[in-house]
Amino acid sequence: MMLIMIGLLLLGFPMMVPLITGAVVGFVMMFDGFGQMGTFVQQMMGGIRPASLIAVPMFILAADIMTRGQSADRLINMVMAFIGHVKGGLAISTATSCTLFGAVSGSTQATVVAVGSPLRPKLLKAGYSDSFSLALIINSSDIAFLIPPSIGFIIYGVISETSIAELFIAGIGPGIMILFMFSIYCLIYAHVNKLPTEEKSTWGQRAVAMREALWPLFFPVIIVGGIYGGIFSPTEAAAVCVLYAFLLEFVVFRSLKLADIYRIAKSTGLITAVVFILVAVGTGFSWIISFAQIPQAILDSVGISDMGPVGVMITICVAFFIACMFVDPIVVILVLTPIFAPAIQASGLDPVLVGVLITLQVAIGSATPPFGCDIFTAIAIFKRPYLEVIRGTPPFVFMLIAAAGLLIAFPQIALFLRDLAFR
């Protein structure tokens, strides 16, 4: 199964084709033909049946509306008004804007487009190298995996039957920690390279920028406040976000027209179709490997049953990190989470902490060569060669790995807010 998947990937097929082919071949080998194929189809359909998955297309649609509207620009202008004048302020503003827009959209690709498109020219004009600028945008956008709403958390929560609301709030601490680490690096980079600072905004200009960004800033307030105030569930929060994004861009800002709805809906439908196909086939694939007791064989071969909680977490981090360097993050979560589920349960690890660690590894792998998905998003958006896009990534990858180490050593970075809200 794995050889077929790798071979088709190397031949350039989209991810869904190798996954479907590998799963079908595995099923036929296990059940001696296609006679029981209905069982496999039932498993696939069961994978996309959970009501929580309705949040995925909703958040994708809200992100698409905001990306095409003014929300991203208003958030960027506000951040620049307050910290653009400090040493490295433009780079820090880029990282902060990516984090804020991630808290609005929940999508790394949308963040790359919405924040990277206007800020990359400014970074280049200020003297930052293109490799640094691209790496900063790509890796800062991946903080969106950790800041609610996160599509990665939704997929993990559905697969592992973990509370999505708890996962959302547990991602806030690690996301802020990574933003702080990136900001320190930007400050050092600017000092070492003697880069100029931006003109300092007056308090009047800051007040105007703050007022213009006030409406987009209500997105995380609605999501976090609504969920933890008991007003609505994470799935309902996604629907509220769509309504709010529509009212904001079509009525308040008037940045979009009704004629744009078809184009936005079509884009959202295409992305949603790909995501749900991956979820369905990934569920069927996971069922096959679980039925064949492949997870037990793999885990026994690496001796994970003899490891303590720390050893299990390190093994999970390494496995997800390597897998996401080659395969789509959603597929990795779908396939590997069931494999490690027995070890997680046996070691007594908190599934919310494990979910944050897994999502962080997905974020790292998405921006790591050779096949990190956000690398190819940046190549398509900014029209730059592959080697130039990946040249500046190592420092950011090391910082993200250090963040994973800190999470393993100090779990309360993720669990403090969760415990405060739910314990």
Protein backbone atom coordinates (compact mmCIF):
# COMPACT_ATOMS: atom_id res chain seq x y z
CA MET A 1 0.00 0.00 0.00
CA MET A 2 2.73 2.45 0.96
CA LEU A 3 4.86 1.63 -2.09
CA ILE A 4 1.90 2.29 -4.39
CA MET A 5 1.18 5.60 -2.66
CA ILE A 6 4.82 6.75 -2.82
CA GLY A 7 5.13 5.69 -6.47
CA LEU A 8 2.02 7.60 -7.54
CA LEU A 9 3.11 10.65 -5.55
CA LEU A 10 6.50 10.64 -7.31
CA LEU A 11 4.69 10.42 -10.65
CA GLY A 12 2.91 13.67 -9.79
CA PHE A 13 -0.64 12.51 -9.07
CA PRO A 14 -2.78 14.65 -6.70
CA MET A 15 -2.78 13.36 -3.13
CA MET A 16 -6.28 11.87 -3.33
CA VAL A 17 -5.31 9.49 -6.16
CA PRO A 18 -2.44 7.70 -4.33
CA LEU A 19 -4.53 7.53 -1.16
CA ILE A 20 -7.58 6.02 -2.88
CA THR A 21 -5.48 3.60 -4.93
CA GLY A 22 -3.45 2.44 -1.93
CA ALA A 23 -6.56 1.95 0.19
CA VAL A 24 -8.43 0.01 -2.53
CA VAL A 25 -5.41 -2.25 -3.22
CA GLY A 26 -5.05 -2.92 0.51
CA PHE A 27 -8.75 -3.77 0.79
CA VAL A 28 -8.66 -6.14 -2.21
CA MET A 29 -5.57 -7.92 -0.84
CA MET A 30 -7.13 -8.30 2.59
CA PHE A 31 -10.58 -9.49 1.46
CA ASP A 32 -9.57 -11.38 -1.71
CA GLY A 33 -11.41 -9.27 -4.23
CA PHE A 34 -14.01 -6.56 -4.65
CA GLY A 35 -16.95 -8.53 -3.22
CA GLN A 36 -16.95 -6.71 0.11
CA MET A 37 -16.20 -3.26 -1.33
CA GLY A 38 -19.49 -1.97 0.10
CA THR A 39 -17.96 -2.24 3.58
CA PHE A 40 -15.08 0.00 2.55
CA VAL A 41 -17.48 2.55 1.06
CA GLN A 42 -19.49 2.53 4.30
CA GLN A 43 -16.32 3.29 6.27
CA MET A 44 -15.53 6.17 3.91
CA MET A 45 -19.01 7.64 4.27
CA GLY A 46 -18.79 7.26 8.03
CA GLY A 47 -15.67 9.40 7.99
CA ILE A 48 -17.51 12.45 6.65
CA ARG A 49 -20.72 11.90 8.65
CA PRO A 50 -19.77 13.64 11.96
CA ALA A 51 -21.64 16.93 12.32
CA SER A 52 -18.46 18.65 13.56
CA LEU A 53 -17.05 18.53 10.03
CA ILE A 54 -19.67 21.05 8.90
CA ALA A 55 -17.37 23.65 10.48
CA VAL A 56 -14.68 22.99 7.86
CA PRO A 57 -16.48 24.39 4.76
CA MET A 58 -17.92 27.18 6.91
CA PHE A 59 -14.49 28.40 8.04
CA ILE A 60 -13.14 27.99 4.48
CA LEU A 61 -16.01 30.13 3.15
CA ALA A 62 -15.50 32.82 5.84
CA ALA A 63 -11.75 32.91 5.07
CA ASP A 64 -12.44 33.22 1.32
CA ILE A 65 -14.81 36.15 1.86
CA MET A 66 -12.32 37.98 4.09
CA THR A 67 -9.36 37.28 1.82
CA ARG A 68 -11.14 38.90 -1.11
CA GLY A 69 -12.40 41.79 1.05
CA GLN A 70 -10.71 44.40 3.27
CA SER A 71 -10.35 42.55 6.59
CA ALA A 72 -6.74 41.49 6.01
CA ASP A 73 -5.60 44.97 4.93
CA ARG A 74 -7.24 46.60 7.94
CA LEU A 75 -5.57 44.17 10.36
CA ILE A 76 -2.19 44.72 8.71
CA ASN A 77 -2.53 48.51 8.87
CA MET A 78 -3.39 48.36 12.58
CA VAL A 79 -0.38 46.18 13.42
CA MET A 80 1.96 48.37 11.36
CA ALA A 81 0.69 51.52 13.08
CA PHE A 82 1.69 50.22 16.51
CA ILE A 83 4.93 48.28 15.95
CA GLY A 84 6.11 49.11 12.43
CA HIS A 85 8.59 51.75 13.68
CA VAL A 86 10.64 49.50 16.01
CA LYS A 87 13.81 47.72 14.80
CA GLY A 88 12.60 44.77 12.77
CA GLY A 89 9.09 46.14 13.17
CA LEU A 90 8.04 45.40 9.59
CA ALA A 91 8.98 41.74 9.95
CA ILE A 92 7.39 41.53 13.41
CA SER A 93 4.27 43.16 11.95
CA THR A 94 4.19 40.49 9.25
CA ALA A 95 4.35 37.68 11.82
CA THR A 96 1.73 39.37 14.01
CA SER A 97 -0.57 40.00 11.04
CA CYS A 98 -0.32 36.34 10.02
CA THR A 99 -1.25 35.32 13.56
CA LEU A 100 -4.20 37.70 13.71
CA PHE A 101 -5.50 36.70 10.30
CA GLY A 102 -5.03 33.04 11.25
CA ALA A 103 -7.29 33.73 14.23
CA VAL A 104 -9.82 35.09 11.76
CA SER A 105 -9.57 32.53 8.95
CA GLY A 106 -8.15 29.29 10.41
CA SER A 107 -6.43 28.62 7.06
CA THR A 108 -2.69 28.75 6.41
CA GLN A 109 -3.07 29.09 2.64
CA ALA A 110 -5.54 31.97 3.01
CA THR A 111 -3.11 33.67 5.39
CA VAL A 112 -0.19 33.30 2.95
CA VAL A 113 -2.26 35.00 0.26
CA ALA A 114 -3.98 37.68 2.37
CA VAL A 115 -0.94 38.81 4.38
CA GLY A 116 1.94 37.82 2.14
CA SER A 117 0.70 39.55 -0.99
CA PRO A 118 0.72 43.13 0.43
CA LEU A 119 3.62 42.78 2.89
CA ARG A 120 6.24 40.93 0.84
CA PRO A 121 6.86 43.96 -1.47
CA LYS A 122 7.24 46.16 1.63
CA LEU A 123 9.74 43.73 3.17
CA LEU A 124 11.80 43.68 -0.02
CA LYS A 125 11.73 47.48 -0.30
CA ALA A 126 12.93 47.78 3.32
CA GLY A 127 16.00 45.64 2.57
CA TYR A 128 14.92 42.20 3.79
CA SER A 129 16.11 39.37 1.57
CA ASP A 130 13.46 37.55 -0.44
CA SER A 131 14.37 34.19 1.12
CA PHE A 132 13.88 35.63 4.62
CA SER A 133 10.61 37.34 3.63
CA LEU A 134 9.16 34.19 2.07
CA ALA A 135 10.20 31.98 4.99
CA LEU A 136 8.76 34.47 7.48
CA ILE A 137 5.41 34.61 5.66
CA ILE A 138 5.14 30.84 5.22
CA ASN A 139 6.08 29.90 8.78
CA SER A 140 4.11 32.72 10.44
CA SER A 141 1.06 31.64 8.46
CA ASP A 142 1.37 28.19 9.98
CA ILE A 143 0.57 29.67 13.39
CA ALA A 144 -2.99 29.59 11.99
CA PHE A 145 -2.90 25.83 12.64
CA LEU A 146 -2.71 26.56 16.38
CA ILE A 147 -4.85 29.69 16.78
CA PRO A 148 -8.62 29.02 16.80
CA PRO A 149 -10.39 28.41 14.52
CA SER A 150 -8.04 25.67 13.27
CA ILE A 151 -9.10 23.19 10.61
CA GLY A 152 -6.32 20.88 11.83
CA PHE A 153 -7.86 20.83 15.32
CA ILE A 154 -11.30 20.06 13.85
CA ILE A 155 -9.98 17.07 11.87
CA TYR A 156 -7.98 15.74 14.86
CA GLY A 157 -10.95 16.25 17.20
CA VAL A 158 -13.27 14.28 14.91
CA ILE A 159 -10.79 11.41 14.40
CA SER A 160 -9.76 11.09 18.06
CA GLU A 161 -13.17 12.04 19.53
CA THR A 162 -11.53 14.87 21.49
CA SER A 163 -13.37 18.07 22.43
CA ILE A 164 -12.81 20.60 19.64
CA ALA A 165 -13.62 23.45 22.02
CA GLU A 166 -10.83 22.32 24.38
CA LEU A 167 -8.40 21.95 21.47
CA PHE A 168 -9.20 25.46 20.26
CA ILE A 169 -8.39 27.13 23.56
CA ALA A 170 -5.32 24.93 24.16
CA GLY A 171 -3.75 26.19 20.93
CA ILE A 172 -3.74 29.85 21.98
CA GLY A 173 -0.77 29.62 24.40
CA PRO A 174 1.58 27.78 21.99
CA GLY A 175 0.55 30.10 19.13
CA ILE A 176 1.46 33.21 21.14
CA MET A 177 4.72 31.59 22.28
CA ILE A 178 5.76 30.89 18.67
CA LEU A 179 4.87 34.45 17.65
CA PHE A 180 7.11 35.73 20.45
CA MET A 181 9.99 33.49 19.29
CA PHE A 182 9.61 34.67 15.69
CA SER A 183 9.53 38.31 16.84
CA ILE A 184 12.79 37.94 18.76
CA TYR A 185 14.43 36.40 15.68
CA CYS A 186 13.13 39.26 13.48
CA LEU A 187 14.55 41.79 15.94
CA ILE A 188 17.98 40.11 15.90
CA TYR A 189 17.92 39.76 12.09
CA ALA A 190 17.16 43.47 11.64
CA HIS A 191 19.96 44.52 14.01
CA VAL A 192 22.53 42.18 12.43
CA ASN A 193 21.68 43.35 8.90
CA LYS A 194 21.31 47.04 9.97
CA LEU A 195 17.90 47.37 8.35
CA PRO A 196 16.08 50.72 8.48
CA THR A 197 12.93 51.27 10.53
CA GLU A 198 9.56 52.51 9.34
CA GLU A 199 8.26 55.98 10.11
CA LYS A 200 6.56 56.13 13.50
CA SER A 201 2.79 56.61 13.36
CA THR A 202 1.16 59.34 15.39
CA TRP A 203 -1.42 58.44 18.04
CA GLY A 204 -4.04 59.93 15.75
CA GLN A 205 -3.03 57.56 12.94
CA ARG A 206 -3.03 54.66 15.39
CA ALA A 207 -6.51 55.56 16.56
CA VAL A 208 -7.75 55.60 12.95
CA ALA A 209 -6.08 52.25 12.19
CA MET A 210 -7.51 50.74 15.37
CA ARG A 211 -10.98 51.98 14.55
CA GLU A 212 -10.81 50.56 11.01
CA ALA A 213 -9.60 47.16 12.30
CA LEU A 214 -12.17 46.96 15.09
CA TRP A 215 -14.75 45.03 13.08
CA PRO A 216 -12.31 42.29 11.87
CA LEU A 217 -10.94 41.98 15.42
CA PHE A 218 -14.36 40.82 16.56
CA PHE A 219 -13.88 37.52 14.71
CA PRO A 220 -11.74 35.85 17.42
CA VAL A 221 -13.93 37.46 20.09
CA ILE A 222 -17.01 35.89 18.51
CA ILE A 223 -15.34 32.49 18.12
CA VAL A 224 -13.62 32.21 21.50
CA GLY A 225 -16.16 34.19 23.51
CA GLY A 226 -19.13 32.46 21.94
CA ILE A 227 -17.79 28.95 22.42
CA TYR A 228 -16.50 29.36 25.97
CA GLY A 229 -19.43 31.52 26.99
CA GLY A 230 -21.71 28.62 26.12
CA ILE A 231 -23.56 30.63 23.47
CA PHE A 232 -22.82 28.21 20.62
CA SER A 233 -20.77 25.16 19.70
CA PRO A 234 -17.62 25.25 17.50
CA THR A 235 -19.74 24.17 14.52
CA GLU A 236 -22.29 26.92 15.17
CA ALA A 237 -19.41 29.38 15.63
CA ALA A 238 -18.30 28.60 12.07
CA ALA A 239 -21.77 29.46 10.73
CA VAL A 240 -21.81 32.69 12.72
CA CYS A 241 -18.38 33.58 11.24
CA VAL A 242 -19.73 33.17 7.71
CA LEU A 243 -22.68 35.44 8.48
CA TYR A 244 -20.40 38.00 10.15
CA ALA A 245 -17.89 37.93 7.26
CA PHE A 246 -20.72 38.38 4.76
CA LEU A 247 -22.21 41.35 6.62
CA LEU A 248 -18.78 42.89 7.14
CA GLU A 249 -17.51 42.72 3.55
CA PHE A 250 -20.81 43.13 1.66
CA VAL A 251 -22.70 45.56 3.91
CA VAL A 252 -20.31 47.43 6.24
CA PHE A 253 -17.14 47.74 4.11
CA ARG A 254 -18.93 47.27 0.75
CA SER A 255 -15.68 45.80 -0.60
CA LEU A 256 -17.53 43.00 -2.40
CA LYS A 257 -20.61 42.87 -4.60
CA LEU A 258 -23.32 40.24 -4.88
CA ALA A 259 -21.81 39.23 -8.22
CA ASP A 260 -18.73 37.99 -6.28
CA ILE A 261 -20.77 35.40 -4.36
CA TYR A 262 -20.69 32.84 -7.17
CA ARG A 263 -16.89 33.09 -7.53
CA ILE A 264 -16.39 32.78 -3.74
CA ALA A 265 -18.84 29.88 -3.41
CA LYS A 266 -17.22 28.03 -6.31
CA SER A 267 -13.75 28.40 -4.78
CA THR A 268 -15.01 27.23 -1.38
CA GLY A 269 -16.83 24.29 -2.97
CA LEU A 270 -13.72 23.09 -4.79
CA ILE A 271 -11.53 23.29 -1.68
CA THR A 272 -14.20 21.62 0.47
CA ALA A 273 -14.61 18.79 -2.05
CA VAL A 274 -10.88 18.04 -1.93
CA VAL A 275 -10.82 18.16 1.89
CA PHE A 276 -13.82 15.85 2.26
CA ILE A 277 -12.51 13.36 -0.29
CA LEU A 278 -9.26 13.22 1.68
CA VAL A 279 -11.17 12.81 4.96
CA ALA A 280 -13.38 10.02 3.54
CA VAL A 281 -10.57 8.04 1.94
CA GLY A 282 -8.27 8.68 4.91
CA THR A 283 -10.91 7.20 7.21
CA GLY A 284 -11.21 4.13 5.00
CA PHE A 285 -7.43 3.81 4.86
CA SER A 286 -7.20 4.07 8.66
CA TRP A 287 -9.89 1.38 9.04
CA ILE A 288 -7.95 -1.00 6.78
CA ILE A 289 -4.66 -0.62 8.63
CA SER A 290 -6.44 -0.91 11.97
CA PHE A 291 -8.32 -4.05 10.84
CA ALA A 292 -5.02 -5.57 9.73
CA GLN A 293 -3.48 -4.65 13.15
CA ILE A 294 -0.71 -2.73 11.40
CA PRO A 295 -0.55 -0.07 14.15
CA GLN A 296 0.23 -2.69 16.80
CA ALA A 297 2.95 -4.20 14.62
CA ILE A 298 4.56 -0.81 13.94
CA LEU A 299 4.41 0.33 17.55
CA ASP A 300 5.75 -2.98 18.84
CA SER A 301 8.65 -2.81 16.39
CA VAL A 302 9.79 0.57 17.76
CA GLY A 303 9.22 -0.51 21.36
CA ILE A 304 6.76 2.27 22.13
CA SER A 305 4.97 0.10 24.70
CA ASP A 306 8.07 0.32 26.91
CA MET A 307 8.31 4.12 26.64
CA GLY A 308 7.00 6.56 29.19
CA PRO A 309 4.73 9.51 28.33
CA VAL A 310 7.68 11.70 27.27
CA GLY A 311 9.04 8.99 24.96
CA VAL A 312 5.61 8.53 23.38
CA MET A 313 5.27 12.28 22.77
CA ILE A 314 8.73 12.50 21.20
CA THR A 315 7.97 9.53 18.94
CA ILE A 316 4.68 11.10 17.86
CA CYS A 317 6.39 14.42 17.11
CA VAL A 318 9.09 12.76 14.99
CA ALA A 319 6.59 10.62 13.05
CA PHE A 320 4.21 13.49 12.26
CA PHE A 321 7.04 15.89 11.43
CA ILE A 322 8.61 13.53 8.89
CA ALA A 323 5.25 12.52 7.38
CA CYS A 324 4.10 16.12 6.86
CA MET A 325 7.30 16.87 4.93
CA PHE A 326 5.98 14.58 2.20
CA VAL A 327 2.18 14.25 2.54
CA ASP A 328 -0.80 16.59 2.93
CA PRO A 329 -1.31 17.51 6.63
CA ILE A 330 -4.96 16.39 6.71
CA VAL A 331 -4.01 12.96 5.36
CA VAL A 332 -1.22 12.62 7.94
CA ILE A 333 -3.63 13.39 10.80
CA LEU A 334 -6.17 10.94 9.40
CA VAL A 335 -3.70 8.08 8.89
CA LEU A 336 -1.28 8.41 11.82
CA THR A 337 -3.64 9.41 14.64
CA PRO A 338 -5.34 5.96 14.78
CA ILE A 339 -1.92 4.29 14.69
CA PHE A 340 -0.77 6.09 17.84
CA ALA A 341 -4.14 6.02 19.62
CA PRO A 342 -3.40 2.80 21.60
CA ALA A 343 -0.03 4.14 22.82
CA ILE A 344 -1.56 7.50 23.78
CA GLN A 345 -4.28 5.79 25.79
CA ALA A 346 -1.89 3.31 27.43
CA SER A 347 0.53 6.04 28.53
CA GLY A 348 -2.25 8.15 30.06
CA LEU A 349 -1.45 11.24 28.00
CA ASP A 350 -3.97 14.07 27.81
CA PRO A 351 -5.50 13.82 24.29
CA VAL A 352 -5.77 17.63 24.13
CA LEU A 353 -2.01 18.01 24.75
CA VAL A 354 -1.31 15.34 22.14
CA GLY A 355 -3.61 17.15 19.70
CA VAL A 356 -1.69 20.41 20.16
CA LEU A 357 1.64 18.61 19.64
CA ILE A 358 0.36 16.84 16.53
CA THR A 359 -1.03 20.07 15.10
CA LEU A 360 2.27 21.84 15.79
CA GLN A 361 4.15 19.11 13.91
CA VAL A 362 1.69 19.49 11.05
CA ALA A 363 2.45 23.23 11.04
CA ILE A 364 6.20 22.55 10.95
CA GLY A 365 5.93 19.94 8.21
CA SER A 366 3.70 22.19 6.08
CA ALA A 367 6.57 24.67 5.72
CA THR A 368 9.43 22.16 5.55
CA PRO A 369 11.09 20.79 2.40
CA PRO A 370 10.76 18.77 0.29
CA PHE A 371 6.96 18.83 -0.13
CA GLY A 372 5.52 21.10 2.57
CA CYS A 373 2.17 22.29 1.17
CA ASP A 374 2.67 25.96 2.09
CA ILE A 375 5.95 26.01 0.15
CA PHE A 376 4.07 25.28 -3.06
CA THR A 377 1.36 27.80 -2.14
CA ALA A 378 4.09 30.46 -1.90
CA ILE A 379 5.65 29.32 -5.20
CA ALA A 380 2.27 29.67 -6.92
CA ILE A 381 1.38 33.03 -5.34
CA PHE A 382 4.75 34.80 -5.49
CA LYS A 383 6.13 33.17 -8.66
CA ARG A 384 9.52 32.39 -7.09
CA PRO A 385 11.74 29.29 -7.64
CA TYR A 386 11.60 26.40 -5.19
CA LEU A 387 15.16 26.80 -3.83
CA GLU A 388 14.66 30.50 -3.13
CA VAL A 389 11.44 29.80 -1.21
CA ILE A 390 13.02 27.18 1.06
CA ARG A 391 16.42 28.88 1.57
CA GLY A 392 15.34 30.91 4.61
CA THR A 393 13.27 28.21 6.36
CA PRO A 394 15.88 26.46 8.63
CA PRO A 395 15.91 29.08 11.46
CA PHE A 396 12.11 29.03 11.64
CA VAL A 397 11.99 25.23 11.60
CA PHE A 398 14.50 25.11 14.48
CA MET A 399 12.36 27.56 16.46
CA LEU A 400 9.25 25.48 15.85
CA ILE A 401 11.06 22.32 16.94
CA ALA A 402 12.21 24.17 20.07
CA ALA A 403 8.56 25.14 20.68
CA ALA A 404 7.59 21.47 20.50
CA GLY A 405 10.31 20.66 23.03
CA LEU A 406 9.01 23.37 25.37
CA LEU A 407 5.48 21.95 25.07
CA ILE A 408 6.71 18.48 26.02
CA ALA A 409 8.71 19.87 28.96
CA PHE A 410 6.02 22.33 30.09
CA PRO A 411 2.56 21.01 29.08
CA GLN A 412 0.83 23.86 30.93
CA ILE A 413 1.79 26.19 28.06
CA ALA A 414 -1.09 24.50 26.23
CA LEU A 415 -3.21 23.23 29.10
CA PHE A 416 -3.34 26.30 31.38
CA LEU A 417 -6.13 28.08 29.46
CA ARG A 418 -7.93 24.77 28.84
CA ASP A 419 -7.91 23.97 32.57
CA LEU A 420 -9.01 27.50 33.39
CA ALA A 421 -11.99 27.25 31.05
CA PHE A 422 -13.07 23.63 31.52
CA ARG A 423 -11.70 22.32 34.83
